[in-house]
Protein backbone atom coordinates (compact mmCIF):
# COMPACT_ATOMS: atom_id res chain seq x y z
CA MET A 1 0.01 -0.01 -0.01
CA ASN A 2 1.12 3.43 -0.75
CA THR A 3 0.82 6.62 1.46
CA TYR A 4 -0.33 9.84 -0.25
CA LEU A 5 1.71 12.99 0.02
CA ILE A 6 -0.52 16.02 -0.12
CA LYS A 7 1.31 19.35 -0.44
CA ARG A 8 0.23 22.59 0.68
CA SER A 9 -0.65 23.66 -2.96
CA ASP A 10 -2.95 20.62 -3.19
CA VAL A 11 -4.68 21.65 0.10
CA GLU A 12 -5.11 25.18 -1.08
CA LYS A 13 -6.70 24.26 -4.27
CA ALA A 14 -9.08 21.72 -2.60
CA LEU A 15 -10.06 23.46 0.49
CA THR A 16 -12.54 26.45 0.46
CA MET A 17 -13.50 28.45 3.61
CA LYS A 18 -17.24 27.84 3.15
CA ASP A 19 -16.31 23.89 3.24
CA CYS A 20 -13.99 24.28 5.99
CA VAL A 21 -16.64 26.43 8.03
CA GLU A 22 -19.08 23.47 7.67
CA ALA A 23 -16.55 20.85 8.57
CA VAL A 24 -15.40 22.60 11.68
CA GLU A 25 -19.05 23.25 12.74
CA LYS A 26 -19.76 19.51 12.36
CA ALA A 27 -16.65 18.76 14.41
CA PHE A 28 -17.94 20.86 17.23
CA ARG A 29 -21.30 19.16 17.06
CA LEU A 30 -19.74 15.83 17.18
CA TYR A 31 -17.59 16.86 20.32
CA GLY A 32 -20.43 18.22 21.85
CA GLU A 33 -22.42 14.93 21.46
CA GLU A 34 -19.30 13.12 22.77
CA LYS A 35 -18.80 11.12 19.62
CA VAL A 36 -14.95 11.60 19.17
CA GLN A 37 -11.87 10.66 20.80
CA MET A 38 -9.52 13.54 21.59
CA PRO A 39 -6.81 13.68 24.21
CA PRO A 40 -5.58 17.33 25.03
CA LYS A 41 -2.73 18.54 23.07
CA ALA A 42 0.80 17.79 24.45
CA TYR A 43 3.65 20.24 24.32
CA LEU A 44 7.24 20.15 24.08
CA TYR A 45 8.94 23.50 24.96
CA PHE A 46 12.26 24.69 23.39
CA THR A 47 12.94 27.44 25.76
CA GLU A 48 16.33 28.19 24.35
CA PHE A 49 14.71 28.87 20.88
CA SER A 50 11.71 30.62 22.21
CA GLY A 51 9.36 28.07 20.53
CA ASP A 52 7.28 24.81 21.03
CA LEU A 53 6.09 21.77 19.45
CA ARG A 54 2.48 20.47 20.04
CA CYS A 55 1.06 16.86 19.25
CA MET A 56 -2.68 16.60 18.62
CA PRO A 57 -4.33 13.23 18.02
CA ALA A 58 -8.09 12.55 17.28
CA TYR A 59 -10.57 9.93 16.12
CA ILE A 60 -13.97 10.55 14.63
CA PRO A 61 -15.56 7.25 14.32
CA GLU A 62 -18.50 8.65 12.19
CA LEU A 63 -16.12 9.63 9.54
CA ASN A 64 -13.94 6.69 9.92
CA ALA A 65 -11.07 8.98 10.33
CA ALA A 66 -8.12 9.18 12.53
CA GLY A 67 -4.75 10.98 12.66
CA ILE A 68 -2.35 13.27 14.37
CA LYS A 69 -1.01 16.81 13.89
CA SER A 70 2.31 18.04 14.69
CA VAL A 71 2.50 21.65 14.78
CA ASN A 72 5.18 24.28 16.02
CA VAL A 73 5.02 27.81 17.20
CA HIS A 74 8.21 29.79 16.83
CA PRO A 75 7.53 33.48 16.94
CA ASP A 76 11.11 34.38 15.97
CA ASN A 77 11.01 32.31 12.47
CA ARG A 78 10.20 35.49 10.66
CA LYS A 79 13.95 36.63 11.13
CA VAL A 80 14.94 33.45 9.21
CA GLY A 81 12.38 33.56 6.65
CA LEU A 82 10.07 30.73 8.00
CA PRO A 83 6.30 30.82 9.09
CA THR A 84 5.75 31.11 12.78
CA VAL A 85 3.47 28.17 12.67
CA MET A 86 4.08 25.15 10.64
CA ALA A 87 2.01 21.81 10.71
CA THR A 88 2.13 18.21 9.43
CA ILE A 89 -0.99 16.02 9.66
CA LEU A 90 -0.79 12.13 9.43
CA LEU A 91 -4.01 10.34 8.45
CA ASN A 92 -4.42 6.81 9.65
CA ASP A 93 -6.78 4.13 8.69
CA PRO A 94 -8.64 3.29 12.01
CA LYS A 95 -9.09 -0.33 11.16
CA THR A 96 -5.40 -1.10 10.49
CA GLY A 97 -3.46 1.98 11.70
CA TYR A 98 -1.89 2.19 8.24
CA PRO A 99 -0.86 5.81 7.25
CA VAL A 100 -2.98 6.67 4.35
CA ALA A 101 -1.83 10.34 3.83
CA ILE A 102 0.68 12.76 5.01
CA LEU A 103 -0.72 16.29 4.44
CA ASP A 104 0.75 19.77 4.88
CA GLY A 105 -0.98 21.10 7.91
CA THR A 106 -0.01 24.68 7.85
CA HIS A 107 -2.83 25.91 5.54
CA ILE A 108 -5.37 23.60 7.36
CA THR A 109 -4.29 25.08 10.75
CA ASN A 110 -4.81 28.51 9.51
CA MET A 111 -8.20 27.84 7.75
CA ARG A 112 -9.72 25.71 10.59
CA THR A 113 -8.72 28.36 13.14
CA GLY A 114 -10.34 31.02 11.16
CA ALA A 115 -13.38 28.68 10.68
CA ALA A 116 -13.70 28.17 14.30
CA GLY A 117 -14.10 31.88 14.78
CA GLY A 118 -16.66 32.03 12.08
CA VAL A 119 -18.69 29.23 13.87
CA ALA A 120 -18.33 31.14 17.32
CA ALA A 121 -19.71 34.31 15.65
CA LYS A 122 -22.50 32.39 13.96
CA TYR A 123 -23.82 31.17 17.44
CA LEU A 124 -22.62 33.79 19.77
CA ALA A 125 -22.68 37.27 18.01
CA LYS A 126 -25.67 39.49 17.61
CA GLU A 127 -27.88 38.63 14.65
CA ASN A 128 -27.39 42.03 12.88
CA CYS A 129 -23.81 42.68 13.05
CA LYS A 130 -22.43 45.62 10.91
CA LYS A 131 -18.99 46.19 12.10
CA ALA A 132 -15.97 44.03 12.92
CA SER A 133 -12.64 45.00 14.50
CA PHE A 134 -9.16 43.29 14.08
CA VAL A 135 -6.76 43.58 16.75
CA GLY A 136 -3.73 42.13 14.80
CA ALA A 137 -3.42 41.93 11.09
CA GLY A 138 -1.48 38.97 10.44
CA ARG A 139 -2.23 35.74 8.68
CA GLN A 140 -4.69 34.49 11.19
CA ALA A 141 -6.67 37.77 10.87
CA GLU A 142 -7.17 36.98 7.12
CA THR A 143 -8.52 33.65 7.78
CA GLN A 144 -10.85 35.16 10.52
CA LEU A 145 -12.14 37.68 7.98
CA HIS A 146 -12.82 35.08 5.49
CA ALA A 147 -14.77 32.76 7.81
CA MET A 148 -16.68 35.69 9.37
CA MET A 149 -17.86 36.79 5.93
CA VAL A 150 -19.12 33.17 5.37
CA THR A 151 -21.29 33.25 8.85
CA LYS A 152 -21.84 37.07 9.14
CA PRO A 153 -21.91 38.24 5.51
CA MET A 154 -24.04 41.27 6.68
CA ILE A 155 -20.71 43.08 7.99
CA THR A 156 -20.20 46.25 6.10
CA ASN A 157 -17.63 48.12 8.12
CA VAL A 158 -13.99 47.02 9.42
CA SER A 159 -11.57 48.66 11.53
CA VAL A 160 -8.06 47.21 12.09
CA VAL A 161 -5.07 48.03 14.33
CA ASP A 162 -1.59 46.42 14.30
CA LEU A 163 1.93 47.38 15.58
CA ASP A 164 2.92 47.10 11.99
CA ASN A 165 1.31 49.87 10.04
CA GLU A 166 1.96 48.54 6.82
CA ARG A 167 0.51 45.11 7.57
CA ALA A 168 -2.46 46.86 8.73
CA GLU A 169 -2.94 48.84 5.62
CA ALA A 170 -2.50 45.68 3.51
CA PHE A 171 -5.27 43.93 5.59
CA ALA A 172 -7.56 46.91 5.11
CA GLY A 173 -6.93 46.73 1.48
CA LEU A 174 -7.75 43.12 1.43
CA CYS A 175 -11.11 43.73 3.15
CA SER A 176 -12.01 46.41 0.61
CA GLU A 177 -10.81 44.59 -2.50
CA ARG A 178 -12.28 41.13 -1.75
CA TYR A 179 -15.50 41.99 0.27
CA ASN A 180 -16.03 45.60 -0.71
CA LEU A 181 -15.90 46.51 2.83
CA ASN A 182 -15.37 49.97 4.25
CA ALA A 183 -12.08 49.25 5.87
CA VAL A 184 -9.93 51.84 8.08
CA VAL A 185 -6.69 51.53 9.84
CA VAL A 186 -6.83 53.24 13.28
CA ASP A 187 -4.09 54.22 15.76
CA SER A 188 -5.45 52.48 18.89
CA ILE A 189 -7.19 49.46 20.21
CA HIS A 190 -9.76 51.51 21.81
CA ASP A 191 -10.46 53.12 18.51
CA ALA A 192 -10.79 49.77 16.95
CA CYS A 193 -13.05 48.13 19.19
CA VAL A 194 -15.29 50.77 20.88
CA ASP A 195 -18.10 50.44 18.51
CA ALA A 196 -17.57 47.03 17.03
CA ASP A 197 -20.08 44.22 16.99
CA ILE A 198 -17.41 41.45 16.49
CA ILE A 199 -13.82 41.93 17.84
CA ASN A 200 -11.08 39.67 16.64
CA CYS A 201 -8.01 39.36 18.66
CA THR A 202 -5.28 37.46 16.88
CA THR A 203 -2.02 38.67 18.61
CA ALA A 204 0.73 36.78 20.55
CA SER A 205 0.41 39.09 23.46
CA ARG A 206 1.53 37.89 26.90
CA LYS A 207 -0.22 41.00 28.65
CA PRO A 208 -3.74 42.33 28.38
CA ILE A 209 -4.01 44.78 25.51
CA VAL A 210 -7.92 44.92 25.24
CA MET A 211 -9.33 46.49 28.29
CA ALA A 212 -12.87 46.72 29.72
CA GLY A 213 -13.30 50.09 28.66
CA ASP A 214 -12.60 49.19 24.93
CA VAL A 215 -15.41 46.82 24.63
CA PRO A 216 -19.00 47.98 24.03
CA PRO A 217 -22.12 46.20 25.14
CA GLY A 218 -23.20 43.70 22.93
CA ALA A 219 -19.81 42.72 21.42
CA HIS A 220 -18.71 39.28 20.51
CA ILE A 221 -14.98 38.67 20.93
CA ASN A 222 -13.06 35.97 19.35
CA ALA A 223 -10.00 35.49 21.59
CA ILE A 224 -7.78 33.64 19.20
CA GLY A 225 -4.17 34.65 20.06
CA ALA A 226 -3.66 32.95 23.41
CA ASP A 227 -2.45 29.50 22.56
CA ALA A 228 0.22 28.73 25.27
CA GLU A 229 0.52 29.17 28.99
CA GLY A 230 1.01 32.74 29.99
CA LYS A 231 -0.45 34.36 26.89
CA GLN A 232 -3.41 36.82 27.47
CA GLU A 233 -5.01 39.44 25.18
CA LEU A 234 -8.05 40.47 27.35
CA ASP A 235 -7.93 42.03 30.61
CA GLY A 236 -9.50 40.12 33.31
CA ASP A 237 -12.28 42.65 33.81
CA VAL A 238 -13.39 41.82 30.38
CA LEU A 239 -13.80 38.05 31.16
CA LYS A 240 -15.60 38.92 34.20
CA LYS A 241 -18.49 40.70 32.69
CA ALA A 242 -18.72 38.52 29.54
CA ARG A 243 -20.55 35.22 28.96
CA VAL A 244 -17.50 33.12 28.14
CA VAL A 245 -17.60 30.13 25.82
CA ILE A 246 -14.57 27.77 25.31
CA ASP A 247 -13.47 24.93 23.03
CA ASP A 248 -12.28 22.41 25.75
CA TRP A 249 -11.75 23.27 29.34
CA VAL A 250 -8.41 21.36 29.85
CA GLN A 251 -6.80 23.11 26.99
CA ALA A 252 -8.27 26.53 27.63
CA SER A 253 -7.58 26.42 31.19
CA HIS A 254 -3.86 25.41 30.32
CA SER A 255 -3.26 27.77 27.50
CA GLY A 256 -6.23 29.61 26.35
CA GLU A 257 -7.33 33.21 27.06
CA ILE A 258 -8.48 32.18 30.46
CA ASN A 259 -5.38 30.48 31.46
CA VAL A 260 -3.77 33.45 33.36
CA MET A 261 -6.96 34.03 35.26
CA VAL A 262 -7.39 30.35 36.02
CA HIS A 263 -3.79 30.22 37.38
CA LYS A 264 -4.55 33.20 39.63
CA GLY A 265 -7.74 31.53 40.93
CA GLU A 266 -9.80 34.31 39.54
CA PHE A 267 -11.80 32.26 36.80
CA ARG A 268 -13.20 28.79 37.62
CA ARG A 269 -15.08 26.24 35.44
CA LYS A 270 -18.27 27.28 36.94
CA ASP A 271 -17.79 30.80 35.61
CA LEU A 272 -17.96 29.53 31.94
CA ALA A 273 -21.18 29.94 30.12
CA ALA A 274 -20.54 26.69 27.94
CA GLU A 275 -18.29 24.80 25.57
CA LEU A 276 -18.91 25.78 21.94
CA GLY A 277 -19.48 22.02 21.18
CA LYS A 278 -22.48 21.96 23.48
CA VAL A 279 -23.77 25.20 21.95
CA VAL A 280 -23.58 23.86 18.60
CA ALA A 281 -24.85 20.25 19.50
CA GLY A 282 -27.70 21.62 21.53
CA ASN A 283 -28.33 24.98 19.95
CA LEU A 284 -28.00 26.58 23.39
CA LYS A 285 -28.72 30.34 23.55
CA ILE A 286 -25.75 31.97 25.31
CA ARG A 287 -26.69 35.41 24.27
CA THR A 288 -29.79 36.75 26.31
CA SER A 289 -29.91 40.28 24.98
CA ASP A 290 -28.19 42.50 22.29
CA THR A 291 -26.24 44.03 25.30
CA ASP A 292 -24.55 40.73 26.44
CA ILE A 293 -20.70 40.60 25.72
CA THR A 294 -19.59 37.08 24.72
CA ILE A 295 -16.21 35.64 24.37
CA PHE A 296 -14.98 32.65 22.36
CA ASP A 297 -11.75 31.42 23.71
CA SER A 298 -10.05 29.34 21.05
CA THR A 299 -7.27 26.86 21.64
CA GLY A 300 -7.60 24.82 18.60
CA LEU A 301 -8.84 21.27 18.70
CA ALA A 302 -7.37 18.27 17.00
CA ILE A 303 -10.78 17.32 15.74
CA GLN A 304 -10.87 20.62 13.69
CA ASP A 305 -7.61 19.58 11.89
CA LEU A 306 -8.73 16.02 11.56
CA ILE A 307 -12.14 16.58 9.88
CA THR A 308 -10.56 19.22 7.78
CA ALA A 309 -7.81 17.07 6.60
CA ALA A 310 -10.17 14.01 5.99
CA HIS A 311 -12.29 16.51 3.80
CA VAL A 312 -9.26 17.37 1.76
CA TYR A 313 -8.17 13.86 1.49
CA LYS A 314 -11.53 12.61 0.17
CA LEU A 315 -11.66 15.48 -2.32
CA LEU A 316 -8.40 14.75 -3.76
CA VAL A 317 -8.09 10.87 -3.65
CA GLU A 318 -11.48 10.36 -4.71
CA GLY A 319 -11.68 13.21 -7.17
CA PRO A 320 -9.99 14.10 -10.32
CA GLY A 321 -7.02 15.49 -8.48
CA LYS A 322 -5.82 11.94 -7.43
CA ALA A 323 -3.58 11.50 -10.60
CA ASP A 324 -1.39 14.54 -9.54
CA LEU A 325 -0.77 13.32 -5.95
CA GLN A 326 2.76 11.81 -5.06
CA THR A 327 2.67 8.61 -3.19
CA VAL A 328 5.48 6.95 -0.99
CA ARG A 329 5.77 3.22 0.28
CA ILE A 330 6.32 3.81 4.12
CA VAL A 331 5.37 0.36 5.19
CA ASP A 332 7.23 -2.56 3.35
């Protein structure tokens, strides 16, 4: 038997954001229904290189899909011309364990993280959202934008703030050119957020940068940037006055937006509104009014990677793209 090698270019051609949002929404539903196996992600820390490596296994019986993702986060990689995040996904046949495919996981990671924010906005944000703000204008902000326009296409206005003004201007240009949005670059986080319906935070900050006074009544916040212990984008007072939804308690309490508050004893499991999987599976109503503030704390789940990779694999291997895929014989 051969193992398919699926390059980033193959993934990019096969995977649309609409399909990714649908797949990730299904992953959350199955997780909420307790129909998956997914141990918490494991970390290896390379402190001398300011980076880490994460191992993320999952099994979705309904799809007959199993696999594992290896993903790094090295913020200094830009200095040497490499992405901060790089990932590889191994898909296995659950029946035999045979490695059926090795996929580039970097694009899948970007897409499924954006898709999770889009799903969260669908279930947690106000019905009639007009303005979105972006704190951080990097690659992840782009996929949050693409997913948001799938689930909240009524958005007409965008504000963006970033330490790199050129990057902010480029992101505003993307908003205008691709979606015909009225997009402006602002000088402060307060100006970006103060009248927003949806706030997307995608920085690697290790101190609060979005304060309670920055967040208007009724806003939904996608807290995406905190993905390791000690990272934090939102001030504790924001969490205290919001209805907080997470993807997974073990991961979020260790390395999500809530992790610093949890470690201080200032946020406990009973303070949660829900897990997003339970919201999707049970169609729970977290928002009680248009003045509620809601937060989605996203740490990234292996089932998001697996379901997206399985979708790409099916499209390519069972579709016309199969002839162009490389194969290797790993097991003799």
